[in-house]
Amino acid sequence: MVFFATIFALFANVSNGLTAIVIVQSAVFAEASRQLVRVLAQVELDFNSVERIVEYLEVPQERPLITGRRPPAYWPSTEGQVHVDNLVVKYSESLPPALDHVSFTVRPREKIGVVSTHR
C-alpha cells in the first residue's frame, strides 16, 4: 500500500510535503489495517471458545460417584472363596495362550497377582 501511494504521489506531480504526508499516512493506514485483522482474528478465536463451552454445557452429566446403593458394611465378607480351574486366556485366536491351564483359589480379603513366565 505504501509502495502504491508513493508511486501515485511521484507520478501525479504532487509537492514534496504532500508526498511525504501521503507516504506516512499510507503507512499508518497499513499498520492500522494489520492491527484490525489481528484483533478480528482474536475475536473469532474467542467466540470459538465460547461455542465450545456452550457445546460442553449440553453434554449429559455423568452419574454421581456414590449412588443410593452401597454395599453392606460387612462387605467384603470373611466367608466364601473363588476357585479357578484350568483357565486358558488368549489375546486372539491366532496367538498362543497368555495364560495356559492356570488354577488357583482366592480366599476372602486376599489380594492376588498372576504373572506369566511363558515366552
Protein backbone atom coordinates (compact mmCIF):
# COMPACT_ATOMS: atom_id res chain seq x y z
CA MET A 1 0.00 0.00 0.00
CA VAL A 2 2.85 2.36 0.86
CA PHE A 3 4.53 1.48 -2.43
CA PHE A 4 1.44 2.30 -4.49
CA ALA A 5 0.82 5.55 -2.60
CA THR A 6 4.44 6.59 -3.21
CA ILE A 7 4.26 5.78 -6.92
CA PHE A 8 0.96 7.65 -7.22
CA ALA A 9 2.35 10.72 -5.41
CA LEU A 10 5.52 10.78 -7.52
CA PHE A 11 3.78 10.47 -10.88
CA ALA A 12 0.93 12.84 -10.02
CA ASN A 13 3.33 15.78 -9.70
CA VAL A 14 2.38 16.39 -6.07
CA SER A 15 4.58 18.67 -3.93
CA ASN A 16 7.28 17.14 -1.74
CA GLY A 17 5.48 17.93 1.52
CA LEU A 18 2.23 16.44 0.34
CA THR A 19 4.10 13.35 -0.97
CA ALA A 20 5.62 12.84 2.49
CA ILE A 21 2.20 13.14 4.12
CA VAL A 22 0.73 10.60 1.66
CA ILE A 23 3.55 8.12 2.34
CA VAL A 24 3.33 8.48 6.13
CA GLN A 25 -0.45 8.27 6.20
CA SER A 26 -0.49 5.22 3.93
CA ALA A 27 1.98 3.52 6.30
CA VAL A 28 -0.24 4.40 9.27
CA PHE A 29 -3.30 3.07 7.42
CA ALA A 30 -1.48 -0.18 6.52
CA GLU A 31 -0.46 -0.73 10.18
CA ALA A 32 -3.99 0.04 11.36
CA SER A 33 -5.33 -2.48 8.84
CA ARG A 34 -2.93 -5.17 10.12
CA GLN A 35 -3.95 -4.50 13.72
CA LEU A 36 -7.63 -4.65 12.78
CA VAL A 37 -7.18 -8.03 11.10
CA ARG A 38 -5.25 -9.31 14.13
CA VAL A 39 -7.97 -8.15 16.54
CA LEU A 40 -10.75 -9.64 14.40
CA ALA A 41 -8.90 -12.98 14.25
CA GLN A 42 -8.56 -12.96 18.05
CA VAL A 43 -12.27 -12.17 18.46
CA GLU A 44 -13.11 -15.11 16.19
CA LEU A 45 -10.91 -17.41 18.29
CA ASP A 46 -12.58 -16.16 21.47
CA PHE A 47 -16.01 -16.89 20.03
CA ASN A 48 -14.85 -20.38 19.07
CA SER A 49 -14.03 -20.91 22.73
CA VAL A 50 -17.48 -19.69 23.73
CA GLU A 51 -19.09 -22.08 21.23
CA ARG A 52 -17.06 -24.94 22.68
CA ILE A 53 -18.19 -24.06 26.22
CA VAL A 54 -21.83 -23.93 25.11
CA GLU A 55 -21.37 -27.34 23.48
CA TYR A 56 -19.90 -28.77 26.70
CA LEU A 57 -22.83 -27.41 28.69
CA GLU A 58 -25.15 -29.62 26.62
CA VAL A 59 -23.17 -32.82 27.27
CA PRO A 60 -25.11 -35.14 29.60
CA GLN A 61 -23.68 -35.31 33.11
CA GLU A 62 -22.14 -38.49 34.46
CA ARG A 63 -23.85 -40.36 37.24
CA PRO A 64 -22.77 -39.39 40.75
CA LEU A 65 -19.87 -41.36 42.16
CA ILE A 66 -21.93 -42.64 45.07
CA THR A 67 -25.37 -43.94 44.24
CA GLY A 68 -28.09 -44.86 46.72
CA ARG A 69 -26.97 -48.48 46.63
CA ARG A 70 -23.92 -49.11 48.79
CA PRO A 71 -22.51 -52.48 49.72
CA PRO A 72 -23.23 -53.62 53.25
CA ALA A 73 -20.79 -52.63 55.99
CA TYR A 74 -19.52 -56.20 56.35
CA TRP A 75 -18.58 -56.40 52.65
CA PRO A 76 -16.23 -57.90 51.58
CA SER A 77 -17.09 -60.70 53.89
CA THR A 78 -14.74 -63.07 55.61
CA GLU A 79 -16.52 -66.06 54.11
CA GLY A 80 -16.54 -67.65 50.68
CA GLN A 81 -13.83 -68.07 48.08
CA VAL A 82 -13.21 -68.03 44.32
CA HIS A 83 -11.79 -71.14 42.71
CA VAL A 84 -10.37 -71.03 39.16
CA ASP A 85 -9.52 -74.34 37.49
CA ASN A 86 -7.56 -74.74 34.21
CA LEU A 87 -8.04 -71.16 32.98
CA VAL A 88 -6.80 -70.50 29.42
CA VAL A 89 -6.60 -66.87 28.23
CA LYS A 90 -5.65 -65.76 24.70
CA TYR A 91 -5.39 -62.24 23.29
CA SER A 92 -6.52 -63.54 19.92
CA GLU A 93 -7.49 -66.87 18.43
CA SER A 94 -4.38 -66.81 16.26
CA LEU A 95 -1.98 -66.23 19.19
CA PRO A 96 -0.72 -68.75 21.73
CA PRO A 97 -2.31 -68.62 25.19
CA ALA A 98 -1.07 -65.89 27.52
CA LEU A 99 -2.24 -67.98 30.46
CA ASP A 100 -2.36 -71.71 29.90
CA HIS A 101 -4.18 -74.04 32.31
CA VAL A 102 -3.89 -71.79 35.36
CA SER A 103 -5.56 -72.98 38.55
CA PHE A 104 -5.81 -71.08 41.81
CA THR A 105 -8.09 -70.31 44.75
CA VAL A 106 -8.69 -66.86 46.19
CA ARG A 107 -9.74 -66.73 49.82
CA PRO A 108 -11.61 -63.80 51.41
CA ARG A 109 -9.69 -60.50 51.72
CA GLU A 110 -6.79 -61.94 49.75
CA LYS A 111 -5.07 -59.95 47.02
CA ILE A 112 -3.57 -61.86 44.13
CA GLY A 113 -1.46 -61.22 41.07
CA VAL A 114 -0.94 -63.58 38.14
CA VAL A 115 2.46 -63.45 36.47
CA SER A 116 3.14 -65.48 33.37
CA THR A 117 6.72 -66.62 32.76
CA HIS A 118 5.80 -68.20 29.44
CA ARG A 119 7.55 -66.55 26.48
